[in-house]
Amino acid sequence: MADQVTGRILLNPWRLSPRWRIGVGAVIVAITYGGLISAKPDSVHGGVGGPAALLALCGYTLGAMLIVSGAVAGLPTTTVALLPVAITINIVMGKIVYFSGLPLQLDSIGTVLVGVLAGPAAGAATGALASIVVGMTITPGALPYAVTAALIGFIAGTLARAGWFRRLPTALLAGGVIGVAAGIVSAPITAFVFGNAGGTVGQSAVIATFQAYGNSMLKAASLQGLVADPLDKALTVALALTLLAGLPSGYVHRFPFVQQHRVLAVHRLMPRRT
């Protein structure tokens, strides 16, 4: 039986069930991450054609696409219709902040919004899809970060299910938790694949500052992520909640995830009377 499953994965992983695709994608991501950490390629990585970059591009992109295909397969129509809007919000806000030179990103607002409204799978699909779209149309360097984007959406949905988004203080704390996880996962990509050339001007400056104090590229990238990402994701959560507050209660009420897990304050669960 195990040989048959392995053969199916090798021959055509897209024929697997949605859960298997998510599982296989997660395994590929974990192996890629572990490979980068254990190999510790030089910071002088040889550009996007270097071995580390190819490993990350292939491993993270394939893993993210498998996770997306598995996650989207089980989403209701209401959620699927929200994905393009959320992805557009991510792209527009991300580019505005990128050109501002701030050491922030704010490119996950739509991802968090979908995670809160529709759950971990929908949030992961939104984040990964946004990175894949940007990577294939605007910035190829965004492709490896599809894994980080998927993780952001998954954690946002998981914490929403646990009730962290019912109150603003715990919602901002959730943003900090998301930021720590994102910083840890992104650090080897920034350090080993792009050599501190894949982020904003502000992020690169912060990493360079940590390096100036004798830290390795990986440690500097990790410290930058742990310092900047929690703040970035807390602001992201605050902006996502601002958008959510502007949505009609009747529309929010249409998402089964919101009702089933009471992810928002009680007054937000009651549709407006006309």
Protein backbone atom coordinates (compact mmCIF):
# COMPACT_ATOMS: atom_id res chain seq x y z
CA MET A 1 0.00 0.00 0.00
CA ALA A 2 2.81 2.39 0.92
CA ASP A 3 4.56 1.65 -2.39
CA GLN A 4 1.37 2.47 -4.30
CA VAL A 5 0.94 5.80 -2.49
CA THR A 6 4.61 6.67 -3.09
CA GLY A 7 4.22 5.82 -6.77
CA ARG A 8 1.19 8.07 -7.09
CA ILE A 9 3.06 10.94 -5.46
CA LEU A 10 6.03 10.58 -7.78
CA LEU A 11 4.01 10.10 -10.96
CA ASN A 12 1.33 12.73 -10.43
CA PRO A 13 0.99 14.42 -7.03
CA TRP A 14 -2.01 16.44 -8.29
CA ARG A 15 -4.12 13.24 -8.35
CA LEU A 16 -3.87 12.94 -4.57
CA SER A 17 -6.79 13.90 -2.34
CA PRO A 18 -6.79 17.49 -1.03
CA ARG A 19 -5.55 16.42 2.41
CA TRP A 20 -2.73 14.37 0.88
CA ARG A 21 -1.72 17.30 -1.30
CA ILE A 22 -1.57 19.61 1.72
CA GLY A 23 0.42 17.00 3.65
CA VAL A 24 2.88 16.30 0.82
CA GLY A 25 3.30 20.03 0.21
CA ALA A 26 4.06 20.61 3.89
CA VAL A 27 6.64 17.81 3.85
CA ILE A 28 8.35 19.28 0.76
CA VAL A 29 8.45 22.68 2.45
CA ALA A 30 9.93 21.20 5.64
CA ILE A 31 12.59 19.30 3.68
CA THR A 32 13.50 22.44 1.72
CA TYR A 33 13.73 24.51 4.89
CA GLY A 34 15.82 21.84 6.62
CA GLY A 35 18.08 21.56 3.58
CA LEU A 36 18.80 25.29 3.57
CA ILE A 37 19.49 25.36 7.31
CA SER A 38 21.73 22.27 7.33
CA ALA A 39 23.65 23.12 4.14
CA LYS A 40 24.19 26.77 5.16
CA PRO A 41 25.15 27.97 1.68
CA ASP A 42 27.40 31.00 1.40
CA SER A 43 25.87 34.45 1.44
CA VAL A 44 27.51 34.95 -1.95
CA HIS A 45 24.90 32.73 -3.51
CA GLY A 46 25.59 33.27 -7.20
CA GLY A 47 22.32 35.01 -7.94
CA VAL A 48 18.96 33.45 -8.68
CA GLY A 49 20.65 30.64 -10.60
CA GLY A 50 22.68 29.45 -7.63
CA PRO A 51 22.03 26.04 -6.02
CA ALA A 52 20.42 27.52 -2.91
CA ALA A 53 18.11 29.73 -4.96
CA LEU A 54 17.10 26.83 -7.21
CA LEU A 55 16.45 24.61 -4.18
CA ALA A 56 14.25 27.25 -2.59
CA LEU A 57 12.44 28.18 -5.81
CA CYS A 58 11.67 24.56 -6.71
CA GLY A 59 10.98 23.24 -3.22
CA TYR A 60 8.99 26.13 -1.84
CA THR A 61 7.06 26.77 -5.04
CA LEU A 62 6.08 23.11 -5.52
CA GLY A 63 5.18 22.78 -1.85
CA ALA A 64 3.13 25.97 -1.90
CA MET A 65 1.27 24.96 -5.08
CA LEU A 66 0.38 21.59 -3.57
CA ILE A 67 -0.86 23.25 -0.40
CA VAL A 68 -2.90 25.77 -2.40
CA SER A 69 -4.45 23.11 -4.64
CA GLY A 70 -5.43 21.04 -1.63
CA ALA A 71 -6.78 24.00 0.33
CA VAL A 72 -8.80 25.55 -2.50
CA ALA A 73 -10.48 22.23 -3.31
CA GLY A 74 -12.55 22.36 -0.15
CA LEU A 75 -13.44 26.07 -0.08
CA PRO A 76 -17.05 27.26 -0.53
CA THR A 77 -17.93 29.64 -3.35
CA THR A 78 -18.28 32.59 -0.98
CA THR A 79 -14.66 32.19 0.11
CA VAL A 80 -13.30 31.60 -3.39
CA ALA A 81 -14.96 34.82 -4.56
CA LEU A 82 -13.14 36.72 -1.80
CA LEU A 83 -9.66 35.49 -2.77
CA PRO A 84 -9.04 37.85 -5.76
CA VAL A 85 -10.01 40.88 -3.67
CA ALA A 86 -7.74 39.82 -0.81
CA ILE A 87 -4.83 39.10 -3.17
CA THR A 88 -5.25 42.54 -4.77
CA ILE A 89 -5.13 44.18 -1.33
CA ASN A 90 -1.90 42.28 -0.58
CA ILE A 91 -0.23 43.32 -3.81
CA VAL A 92 -1.24 47.00 -3.69
CA MET A 93 -0.31 47.53 -0.04
CA GLY A 94 2.91 45.54 -0.43
CA LYS A 95 4.07 47.68 -3.33
CA ILE A 96 3.16 50.94 -1.60
CA VAL A 97 5.24 49.99 1.46
CA TYR A 98 8.06 48.60 -0.70
CA PHE A 99 8.57 51.91 -2.48
CA SER A 100 8.30 53.82 0.79
CA GLY A 101 11.57 52.27 2.02
CA LEU A 102 10.15 51.38 5.45
CA PRO A 103 11.42 48.19 7.15
CA LEU A 104 7.88 46.80 6.95
CA GLN A 105 5.82 44.85 4.41
CA LEU A 106 2.07 45.09 5.13
CA ASP A 107 1.50 42.68 2.23
CA SER A 108 -0.59 40.20 4.23
CA ILE A 109 -3.67 42.26 5.09
CA GLY A 110 -5.90 40.33 2.69
CA THR A 111 -4.40 37.04 3.87
CA VAL A 112 -5.25 37.76 7.50
CA LEU A 113 -8.71 38.99 6.51
CA VAL A 114 -9.50 35.73 4.71
CA GLY A 115 -7.98 33.65 7.51
CA VAL A 116 -10.26 35.32 10.05
CA LEU A 117 -13.38 35.03 7.89
CA ALA A 118 -12.87 31.59 6.35
CA GLY A 119 -10.29 29.67 8.38
CA PRO A 120 -6.72 28.37 8.19
CA ALA A 121 -6.96 26.61 4.81
CA ALA A 122 -8.45 29.65 3.09
CA GLY A 123 -5.89 31.95 4.69
CA ALA A 124 -3.01 29.72 3.61
CA ALA A 125 -4.36 29.52 0.06
CA THR A 126 -4.72 33.31 -0.13
CA GLY A 127 -1.20 34.00 1.06
CA ALA A 128 0.46 31.44 -1.16
CA LEU A 129 -1.57 32.44 -4.21
CA ALA A 130 -0.68 36.10 -3.74
CA SER A 131 3.04 35.30 -3.62
CA ILE A 132 2.80 33.00 -6.63
CA VAL A 133 0.90 35.64 -8.64
CA VAL A 134 3.47 38.32 -7.74
CA GLY A 135 6.35 35.93 -8.40
CA MET A 136 5.09 34.97 -11.84
CA THR A 137 4.11 38.48 -12.97
CA ILE A 138 6.02 41.18 -11.08
CA THR A 139 8.85 39.95 -8.83
CA PRO A 140 10.23 36.40 -9.30
CA GLY A 141 11.88 36.63 -5.88
CA ALA A 142 8.44 36.45 -4.24
CA LEU A 143 7.99 32.78 -5.14
CA PRO A 144 10.00 31.24 -2.27
CA TYR A 145 8.17 33.47 0.18
CA ALA A 146 4.88 31.79 -0.78
CA VAL A 147 5.57 29.41 2.10
CA THR A 148 5.80 32.26 4.59
CA ALA A 149 2.62 33.80 3.19
CA ALA A 150 0.78 30.48 3.51
CA LEU A 151 1.97 30.13 7.11
CA ILE A 152 0.71 33.63 7.92
CA GLY A 153 -2.77 32.81 6.64
CA PHE A 154 -2.81 29.43 8.37
CA ILE A 155 -1.82 30.84 11.77
CA ALA A 156 -4.27 33.74 11.42
CA GLY A 157 -7.10 31.29 10.79
CA THR A 158 -5.99 29.00 13.61
CA LEU A 159 -5.81 31.84 16.14
CA ALA A 160 -9.15 33.18 14.92
CA ARG A 161 -10.67 29.76 15.59
CA ALA A 162 -9.22 29.94 19.11
CA GLY A 163 -10.95 33.29 19.70
CA TRP A 164 -7.92 35.59 19.58
CA PHE A 165 -9.69 38.03 17.23
CA ARG A 166 -12.68 38.70 19.47
CA ARG A 167 -10.82 41.47 21.30
CA LEU A 168 -8.30 44.00 19.98
CA PRO A 169 -5.51 43.28 22.54
CA THR A 170 -5.47 39.56 21.82
CA ALA A 171 -5.78 40.24 18.09
CA LEU A 172 -2.66 42.43 18.19
CA LEU A 173 -0.92 39.70 20.21
CA ALA A 174 -1.91 37.26 17.47
CA GLY A 175 -0.19 39.58 15.01
CA GLY A 176 2.97 39.37 17.09
CA VAL A 177 2.82 35.57 17.12
CA ILE A 178 2.31 35.51 13.36
CA GLY A 179 5.27 37.87 12.94
CA VAL A 180 7.63 35.68 14.97
CA ALA A 181 6.71 32.61 12.92
CA ALA A 182 7.04 34.52 9.66
CA GLY A 183 10.43 35.89 10.65
CA ILE A 184 11.80 32.45 11.50
CA VAL A 185 10.61 30.87 8.25
CA SER A 186 11.74 33.77 6.06
CA ALA A 187 15.23 34.12 7.54
CA PRO A 188 16.96 31.31 5.57
CA ILE A 189 15.34 32.48 2.34
CA THR A 190 16.54 36.05 2.85
CA ALA A 191 20.01 34.97 4.00
CA PHE A 192 20.90 32.05 1.75
CA VAL A 193 18.85 32.63 -1.38
CA PHE A 194 18.90 36.40 -1.88
CA GLY A 195 21.83 37.44 0.29
CA ASN A 196 19.87 40.34 1.83
CA ALA A 197 18.72 41.54 -1.59
CA GLY A 198 15.14 40.30 -1.51
CA GLY A 199 13.44 42.70 0.89
CA THR A 200 12.70 46.39 1.08
CA VAL A 201 15.41 49.01 1.44
CA GLY A 202 14.50 49.37 5.10
CA GLN A 203 14.74 45.64 5.77
CA SER A 204 18.11 45.39 4.03
CA ALA A 205 19.40 48.31 6.11
CA VAL A 206 18.33 46.63 9.36
CA ILE A 207 20.00 43.35 8.35
CA ALA A 208 23.16 45.17 7.33
CA THR A 209 23.21 46.88 10.72
CA PHE A 210 23.03 43.56 12.55
CA GLN A 211 25.80 42.21 10.32
CA ALA A 212 27.96 45.20 11.17
CA TYR A 213 27.93 43.99 14.79
CA GLY A 214 29.47 40.67 13.76
CA ASN A 215 26.34 38.57 13.21
CA SER A 216 26.20 36.02 10.40
CA MET A 217 23.79 36.57 7.52
CA LEU A 218 21.34 33.98 8.90
CA LYS A 219 21.44 35.44 12.42
CA ALA A 220 21.11 38.98 11.11
CA ALA A 221 18.13 38.01 8.95
CA SER A 222 16.57 36.17 11.90
CA LEU A 223 17.04 39.14 14.23
CA GLN A 224 15.56 41.48 11.63
CA GLY A 225 12.55 39.21 11.33
CA LEU A 226 12.08 38.92 15.08
CA VAL A 227 12.35 42.70 15.52
CA ALA A 228 10.38 43.98 12.51
CA ASP A 229 7.94 41.17 11.64
CA PRO A 230 5.92 41.19 14.92
CA LEU A 231 5.34 44.94 14.53
CA ASP A 232 4.54 44.51 10.84
CA LYS A 233 2.03 41.75 11.49
CA ALA A 234 0.45 43.57 14.43
CA LEU A 235 -0.16 46.54 12.11
CA THR A 236 -1.38 44.11 9.46
CA VAL A 237 -3.91 42.65 11.87
CA ALA A 238 -5.07 46.12 12.92
CA LEU A 239 -5.63 47.13 9.28
CA ALA A 240 -7.37 43.84 8.50
CA LEU A 241 -9.73 44.37 11.45
CA THR A 242 -10.39 47.92 10.21
CA LEU A 243 -11.45 46.55 6.84
CA LEU A 244 -13.49 43.86 8.55
CA ALA A 245 -15.30 46.46 10.67
CA GLY A 246 -16.38 48.19 7.46
CA LEU A 247 -18.00 45.09 6.01
CA PRO A 248 -21.76 44.65 6.43
CA SER A 249 -22.62 42.22 9.21
CA GLY A 250 -24.88 40.35 6.80
CA TYR A 251 -21.90 39.62 4.55
CA VAL A 252 -19.69 38.53 7.45
CA HIS A 253 -22.55 36.32 8.63
CA ARG A 254 -22.39 34.34 5.37
CA PHE A 255 -19.07 32.70 6.29
CA PRO A 256 -19.68 29.41 8.13
CA PHE A 257 -16.28 29.63 9.84
CA VAL A 258 -17.28 32.88 11.57
CA GLN A 259 -20.51 31.39 12.88
CA GLN A 260 -19.22 27.95 13.79
CA HIS A 261 -16.26 29.15 15.85
CA ARG A 262 -17.55 32.59 16.96
CA VAL A 263 -14.30 34.17 15.83
CA LEU A 264 -15.55 37.76 16.24
CA ALA A 265 -17.27 39.75 18.96
CA VAL A 266 -20.90 38.75 19.46
CA HIS A 267 -22.34 41.98 18.03
CA ARG A 268 -20.47 41.35 14.75
CA LEU A 269 -22.23 38.01 14.35
CA MET A 270 -25.68 39.55 14.10
CA PRO A 271 -26.71 40.62 10.57
CA ARG A 272 -28.02 44.12 10.20
CA ARG A 273 -31.74 44.53 9.88
CA THR A 274 -33.03 46.38 6.88
